Protein backbone atom coordinates (compact mmCIF):
# COMPACT_ATOMS: atom_id res chain seq x y z
CA MET A 1 -15.79 -6.37 -4.66
CA PRO A 2 -15.80 -2.61 -4.00
CA GLN A 3 -13.45 -1.33 -1.32
CA VAL A 4 -15.94 1.22 0.02
CA SER A 5 -19.69 0.97 0.51
CA VAL A 6 -21.25 4.42 0.41
CA ILE A 7 -24.57 4.38 2.25
CA ILE A 8 -26.95 7.34 1.99
CA PRO A 9 -29.72 6.95 4.61
CA ASN A 10 -32.42 9.45 3.69
CA TYR A 11 -35.51 10.74 5.41
CA ASN A 12 -37.40 13.76 4.10
CA HIS A 13 -34.35 15.50 2.59
CA ALA A 14 -35.46 15.84 -1.03
CA ASP A 15 -34.24 19.45 -1.08
CA PHE A 16 -30.68 18.34 -0.34
CA LEU A 17 -30.47 14.93 -2.01
CA ARG A 18 -29.20 16.09 -5.39
CA GLN A 19 -26.20 17.89 -3.89
CA ARG A 20 -25.50 14.88 -1.66
CA ILE A 21 -25.62 12.33 -4.47
CA GLU A 22 -23.66 14.52 -6.88
CA SER A 23 -20.89 14.99 -4.31
CA VAL A 24 -20.60 11.19 -3.99
CA LEU A 25 -20.60 10.62 -7.74
CA ALA A 26 -17.86 13.26 -8.07
CA GLN A 27 -15.41 11.35 -5.85
CA THR A 28 -11.92 10.97 -7.31
CA PHE A 29 -11.67 7.57 -5.59
CA THR A 30 -14.01 5.37 -7.63
CA ASP A 31 -13.77 1.87 -6.10
CA TYR A 32 -17.09 2.12 -4.29
CA GLU A 33 -20.70 1.01 -4.42
CA LEU A 34 -23.56 3.39 -3.66
CA ILE A 35 -26.57 2.29 -1.63
CA ILE A 36 -29.42 4.77 -1.06
CA LEU A 37 -32.05 3.95 1.56
CA ASP A 38 -35.23 5.96 1.96
CA ASP A 39 -37.06 5.63 5.28
CA TYR A 40 -40.59 6.21 3.95
CA SER A 41 -40.13 9.95 3.35
CA PRO A 42 -43.33 12.02 2.98
CA ASP A 43 -41.66 14.41 0.51
CA ASN A 44 -40.55 13.63 -3.07
CA SER A 45 -37.28 11.99 -2.03
CA ARG A 46 -38.16 8.74 -3.81
CA GLU A 47 -38.62 10.51 -7.13
CA VAL A 48 -35.19 12.13 -6.80
CA ILE A 49 -33.57 8.82 -5.85
CA ALA A 50 -35.31 6.95 -8.68
CA GLU A 51 -34.16 9.60 -11.16
CA TYR A 52 -30.49 9.07 -10.21
CA ALA A 53 -30.86 5.28 -10.09
CA SER A 54 -32.23 5.27 -13.65
CA LYS A 55 -29.16 7.19 -14.86
CA HIS A 56 -26.61 5.29 -12.78
CA PRO A 57 -27.33 1.54 -12.76
CA GLN A 58 -24.64 0.96 -10.12
CA ILE A 59 -26.84 2.74 -7.54
CA LYS A 60 -28.77 0.32 -5.34
CA THR A 61 -31.98 1.60 -3.75
CA VAL A 62 -34.04 0.42 -0.79
CA PHE A 63 -37.43 2.01 -0.10
CA ASN A 64 -38.98 1.24 3.30
CA GLU A 65 -42.73 0.66 3.36
CA GLN A 66 -42.93 2.15 6.84
CA ASN A 67 -40.66 4.47 8.80
CA SER A 68 -38.07 2.68 10.96
CA GLY A 69 -38.06 5.47 13.55
CA SER A 70 -34.26 5.46 13.78
CA PRO A 71 -31.42 6.61 11.52
CA PHE A 72 -29.24 3.98 13.19
CA ALA A 73 -31.60 1.19 12.10
CA GLN A 74 -30.97 2.43 8.57
CA TRP A 75 -27.20 2.36 9.17
CA ASN A 76 -27.51 -1.29 10.17
CA LYS A 77 -29.57 -2.14 7.11
CA GLY A 78 -26.99 -0.42 4.92
CA CYS A 79 -24.19 -2.40 6.59
CA GLU A 80 -26.01 -5.68 5.98
CA LEU A 81 -26.28 -4.84 2.28
CA ALA A 82 -22.71 -3.54 2.00
CA LYS A 83 -20.03 -5.52 0.18
CA GLY A 84 -17.17 -3.10 0.86
CA GLU A 85 -14.40 -3.29 3.44
CA TYR A 86 -15.14 0.27 4.58
CA LEU A 87 -18.45 2.03 5.29
CA TRP A 88 -19.22 5.67 4.61
CA PHE A 89 -22.57 6.84 6.01
CA ALA A 90 -23.05 9.89 3.79
CA GLU A 91 -25.95 11.68 5.47
CA SER A 92 -28.54 12.83 2.94
CA ASP A 93 -28.52 16.52 3.89
CA ASP A 94 -24.71 16.94 3.79
CA PHE A 95 -22.16 17.13 0.97
CA CYS A 96 -18.41 16.84 0.54
CA GLU A 97 -15.30 17.61 -1.46
CA PRO A 98 -14.40 15.22 -4.33
CA LYS A 99 -11.25 14.00 -2.59
CA LEU A 100 -12.83 12.87 0.69
CA LEU A 101 -12.53 9.15 -0.07
CA GLU A 102 -9.17 9.62 -1.77
CA THR A 103 -7.88 11.13 1.49
CA LEU A 104 -9.48 8.79 4.04
CA VAL A 105 -9.12 5.38 2.36
CA PRO A 106 -5.28 5.35 2.65
CA LEU A 107 -5.52 6.09 6.39
CA LEU A 108 -7.35 2.79 6.82
CA ASN A 109 -5.32 0.90 4.22
CA LYS A 110 -1.98 1.80 5.81
CA ASN A 111 -3.03 1.41 9.45
CA ALA A 112 -4.65 -1.94 10.19
CA ASN A 113 -5.65 -0.95 13.73
CA VAL A 114 -7.51 2.21 12.69
CA GLY A 115 -11.24 1.63 12.97
CA ILE A 116 -12.39 5.17 12.10
CA ALA A 117 -10.77 7.79 9.86
CA TYR A 118 -12.34 11.22 9.50
CA ALA A 119 -11.73 14.67 8.04
CA GLN A 120 -12.25 18.20 9.25
CA THR A 121 -15.73 19.65 8.75
CA TYR A 122 -17.33 22.94 7.79
CA LEU A 123 -20.72 23.71 9.33
CA VAL A 124 -23.09 25.11 6.69
CA ASP A 125 -26.58 26.59 6.80
CA GLU A 126 -29.69 25.30 5.04
CA LYS A 127 -28.58 26.88 1.76
CA GLY A 128 -25.08 25.41 1.99
CA ALA A 129 -23.27 28.62 2.95
CA VAL A 130 -20.36 28.07 5.34
CA LYS A 131 -21.04 29.25 8.91
CA ASN A 132 -17.72 28.25 10.47
CA SER A 133 -15.17 25.48 10.69
CA TYR A 134 -15.81 22.80 13.29
CA LEU A 135 -12.19 23.39 14.27
CA LYS A 136 -13.39 26.43 16.22
CA ASN A 137 -15.75 24.22 18.23
CA LEU A 138 -12.96 21.74 18.98
CA ASP A 139 -10.54 24.49 20.00
CA PHE A 140 -13.14 25.94 22.37
CA ILE A 141 -14.21 22.62 23.90
CA TYR A 142 -10.81 21.00 24.38
CA LYS A 143 -8.61 24.11 24.76
CA ASN A 144 -5.77 22.70 22.64
CA ASP A 145 -4.61 22.62 19.02
CA THR A 146 -4.80 18.84 18.45
CA TRP A 147 -7.11 19.15 15.43
CA HIS A 148 -4.83 21.61 13.61
CA THR A 149 -2.77 18.71 12.24
CA HIS A 150 -3.21 15.13 11.03
CA PHE A 151 -2.97 12.43 13.70
CA ILE A 152 -3.54 8.80 14.65
CA LYS A 153 -4.74 8.41 18.23
CA ASN A 154 -5.00 5.35 20.43
CA GLY A 155 -8.73 4.65 20.63
CA ALA A 156 -8.90 3.99 24.36
CA GLU A 157 -7.07 7.24 25.07
CA ALA A 158 -9.41 9.08 22.69
CA CYS A 159 -12.39 7.72 24.64
CA LYS A 160 -10.92 8.73 27.99
CA GLU A 161 -9.65 12.17 26.97
CA TRP A 162 -12.23 13.23 24.37
CA LEU A 163 -15.37 11.11 23.98
CA LEU A 164 -16.29 11.28 27.66
CA PHE A 165 -16.75 15.04 27.30
CA HIS A 166 -17.92 15.50 23.72
CA ASN A 167 -18.15 13.70 20.39
CA PRO A 168 -15.18 15.12 18.42
CA ILE A 169 -16.44 13.55 15.17
CA PRO A 170 -19.02 16.17 14.09
CA ASN A 171 -21.10 13.77 12.01
CA ALA A 172 -20.86 10.50 10.14
CA SER A 173 -20.63 12.17 6.73
CA GLY A 174 -17.00 13.05 7.37
CA ALA A 175 -15.98 9.59 8.59
CA LEU A 176 -14.97 6.27 7.06
CA ILE A 177 -15.48 3.19 9.26
CA ARG A 178 -13.91 -0.24 8.91
CA LYS A 179 -16.88 -2.58 8.44
CA ARG A 180 -15.32 -5.31 10.60
CA ASN A 181 -15.05 -2.88 13.53
CA PHE A 182 -18.62 -1.66 12.98
CA VAL A 183 -19.98 -5.20 13.16
CA GLU A 184 -17.79 -6.27 16.10
CA ALA A 185 -18.98 -3.20 18.04
CA GLY A 186 -22.55 -4.46 17.77
CA MET A 187 -23.51 -2.04 14.97
CA GLY A 188 -25.76 0.98 15.59
CA ASP A 189 -28.07 1.24 18.59
CA ALA A 190 -31.51 1.85 17.09
CA SER A 191 -32.94 2.80 20.50
CA MET A 192 -30.98 6.07 20.55
CA LYS A 193 -32.60 9.25 19.21
CA LEU A 194 -29.52 11.43 18.82
CA ASN A 195 -26.27 10.02 20.16
CA GLY A 196 -26.16 6.60 18.50
CA ASP A 197 -23.16 7.73 16.43
CA TRP A 198 -21.28 8.90 19.55
CA PHE A 199 -22.03 5.60 21.31
CA LEU A 200 -20.97 3.62 18.25
CA TYR A 201 -17.66 5.50 17.99
CA ALA A 202 -16.92 4.81 21.66
CA LYS A 203 -17.57 1.09 21.18
CA ILE A 204 -15.38 0.96 18.06
CA LEU A 205 -12.54 3.00 19.58
CA ALA A 206 -12.47 0.87 22.70
CA GLU A 207 -10.92 -1.76 20.40
CA SER A 208 -9.23 0.28 17.63
CA ASP A 209 -7.52 3.58 16.81
CA LEU A 210 -8.72 6.91 15.41
CA ALA A 211 -7.19 8.66 12.38
CA PHE A 212 -7.80 12.29 11.43
CA SER A 213 -7.07 14.49 8.42
CA ASN A 214 -7.14 18.23 9.04
CA GLU A 215 -8.30 18.96 5.48
CA HIS A 216 -11.81 20.44 5.31
CA LEU A 217 -13.54 17.82 3.18
CA ASN A 218 -16.99 17.50 4.77
CA TYR A 219 -19.90 19.98 4.85
CA PHE A 220 -22.31 19.37 7.74
CA ARG A 221 -25.66 21.06 7.17
CA VAL A 222 -27.24 22.47 10.35
CA HIS A 223 -30.95 23.25 10.05
CA ASP A 224 -34.29 22.85 11.83
CA ARG A 225 -35.13 19.54 10.13
CA THR A 226 -32.21 17.59 11.58
CA GLN A 227 -32.72 14.87 14.17
CA ARG A 228 -30.25 16.84 16.30
CA GLN A 229 -32.65 19.80 16.48
CA ARG A 230 -35.76 17.68 17.05
CA ALA A 231 -34.13 15.74 19.89
CA LYS A 232 -33.46 18.84 21.99
CA VAL A 233 -37.06 19.07 23.20
CA ASP A 234 -36.69 16.63 26.09
CA GLY A 235 -34.11 15.12 28.42
CA THR A 236 -33.72 11.81 26.58
CA VAL A 237 -30.43 12.87 25.01
CA TYR A 238 -28.85 13.19 28.45
CA LEU A 239 -29.86 9.66 29.36
CA GLU A 240 -28.03 8.60 26.20
CA ILE A 241 -24.90 10.51 27.19
CA ILE A 242 -24.97 8.85 30.60
CA ARG A 243 -25.07 5.46 28.82
CA ILE A 244 -21.97 6.43 26.83
CA ASN A 245 -20.26 7.56 30.03
CA ASP A 246 -21.14 4.25 31.69
CA PHE A 247 -19.75 2.28 28.76
CA ILE A 248 -16.41 4.10 28.73
CA ARG A 249 -16.19 3.94 32.53
CA GLU A 250 -16.66 0.16 32.36
CA HIS A 251 -14.49 -0.65 29.33
CA ILE A 252 -11.61 1.86 29.41
CA LYS A 253 -8.99 1.42 32.11
CA ASP A 254 -8.37 4.36 34.48
CA SER A 255 -11.27 6.40 33.11
CA LYS A 256 -13.27 6.92 36.32
CA THR A 257 -11.80 10.33 37.22
CA ASN A 258 -12.52 11.76 33.79
CA ALA A 259 -15.93 10.06 33.70
CA ASP A 260 -16.91 11.79 36.96
CA LEU A 261 -15.62 15.14 35.70
CA ALA A 262 -17.53 14.68 32.43
CA LEU A 263 -20.82 14.10 34.26
CA ARG A 264 -20.30 17.33 36.18
CA LYS A 265 -19.89 19.20 32.90
CA ILE A 266 -22.81 17.40 31.26
CA ALA A 267 -24.97 18.27 34.26
CA ASP A 268 -24.43 21.91 33.34
CA TRP A 269 -25.54 21.19 29.75
CA TRP A 270 -28.69 19.56 31.11
CA ILE A 271 -29.41 22.46 33.49
CA GLY A 272 -29.04 24.90 30.60
CA SER A 273 -31.47 22.87 28.46
CA ILE A 274 -34.30 22.72 30.98
CA PRO A 275 -36.01 26.05 30.13
CA ARG A 276 -36.06 25.08 26.43
CA GLN A 277 -37.55 21.62 26.84
CA LYS A 278 -41.15 20.64 26.10
CA TRP A 279 -42.73 19.53 29.34
CA THR A 280 -44.89 16.41 29.38
CA VAL A 281 -45.53 13.79 32.07
CA GLY A 282 -43.01 11.51 30.41
CA ASN A 283 -40.37 14.21 30.13
CA PHE A 284 -40.91 15.19 33.77
CA GLN A 285 -40.11 11.60 34.77
CA ILE A 286 -36.98 11.63 32.58
CA ASN A 287 -35.76 14.82 34.23
CA ARG A 288 -36.45 13.43 37.70
CA GLN A 289 -34.21 10.51 36.76
CA LEU A 290 -31.53 12.87 35.46
CA TYR A 291 -31.68 14.94 38.62
CA GLY A 292 -31.04 11.79 40.64
CA VAL A 293 -27.89 11.10 38.62
CA PHE A 294 -26.50 14.61 38.26
CA LYS A 295 -26.93 15.69 41.89
CA LYS A 296 -24.14 13.22 42.74
CA TYR A 297 -21.71 15.14 40.53
CA ARG A 298 -22.99 18.73 40.53
CA GLY A 299 -23.68 20.47 43.83
CA TRP A 300 -26.57 22.89 44.32
CA VAL A 301 -28.47 21.60 41.29
CA LEU A 302 -31.79 23.28 42.16
CA PHE A 303 -30.02 26.59 42.75
CA HIS A 304 -28.34 26.37 39.34
CA ILE A 305 -31.67 25.56 37.66
CA CYS A 306 -33.28 28.66 39.24
CA TYR A 307 -30.26 30.75 38.28
CA THR A 308 -30.60 29.55 34.68
CA TYR A 309 -34.23 30.72 34.55
CA ILE A 310 -33.21 34.11 35.92
CA LEU A 311 -30.47 34.46 33.28
CA LEU A 312 -32.89 33.46 30.51
CA THR A 313 -35.40 36.07 31.69
CA ALA A 314 -32.67 38.72 31.78
CA ARG A 315 -31.61 37.71 28.25
CA LYS A 316 -35.16 38.19 26.96
CA VAL A 317 -35.34 41.64 28.58
CA LEU A 318 -32.02 42.67 27.00
CA TYR A 319 -33.20 41.37 23.64
CA HIS A 320 -36.40 43.44 23.73
CA LEU A 321 -34.39 46.50 24.80
CA GLY A 322 -31.99 46.00 21.89
CA LEU A 323 -29.04 45.53 24.29
CA LEU A 324 -28.34 41.81 23.88
CA LYS A 325 -25.45 42.27 21.44
CA VAL A 326 -23.87 44.90 23.71
CA ALA A 327 -24.21 42.58 26.71
CA LYS A 328 -22.61 39.68 24.81
CA THR A 329 -19.67 41.87 23.78
CA ALA A 330 -19.16 43.00 27.38
CA ARG A 331 -19.36 39.41 28.61
CA PHE A 332 -16.74 38.30 26.08
CA LYS A 333 -14.37 41.05 27.23
CA MET A 334 -14.93 40.26 30.92
CA PHE A 335 -14.60 36.47 30.51
CA PRO A 336 -12.43 35.82 27.42
CA GLY A 337 -12.52 32.23 26.22
CA LYS A 338 -15.32 31.15 28.57
CA TYR A 339 -18.24 31.53 26.18
CA PHE A 340 -18.55 30.18 22.66
CA THR A 341 -18.99 33.08 20.23
CA HIS A 342 -18.92 31.49 16.76
């Protein structure tokens, strides 16, 4: 039986599949099986997958005859097929260093209560060029140097201190999950469009610990074809975050104060997203629901929405005048550390 089941859930990522598969095959830790699932891609993904499967008989392939509509449904299918003790959901548009498994497997082997082990991540563009380390995002969000070193963190504390405010695990490609914990947490929630991984991590960490390696071993590709980009067009993602908040509030002792504070911060995210959303009847109803929740935690919501539209209009004017970069530099000097600049 393999110790690790590597699951590549693919949809429409033919351009990136070769680099993804090659980076798995190059792993220095070799006690793994490789399962590639294609969710009825309209591009030539199946041809690429079939090419590798013909050369590497150990690769198992599953081709859906219709699209599942959810990456997390594919995660669950991969888990059901997996024979390994640990699961690695190696997203089809990402890639990694050869020693990722070699580094993460011992963190699970040596610590029976660790449910998730993950490594530091580089964000890369569509061509694979490094944009920045995710460490910069973590430093900015949490205002501490926790992710500068290796650690093992109590899962409940991680939920209360970190996952209420943000998902500190950039994406699944950099994480190794104990299969038992994945199953006991109820597996992935296929109803979620974007934050099913965040929700899953919260459910796993409510009952287990989190291990981290500060080595940059994962490359997370950020581009317009990701589910993350597509899901920004409406308010659904904020309903998902509220569900995660509710779960942690209910299952983690003494988390109410942080849960309330988190919803105040998330209300600001939602307010900032409103001018960029696509407005339909359905999305209007979603935002009415969100307003009803967030007004309990964020005062003067309508004022802040109007203020956001004014700022966006001013930004467009500065852009057309060629003064946007100058304005950003002045803002950074006036309010150091308040705005993310990477």
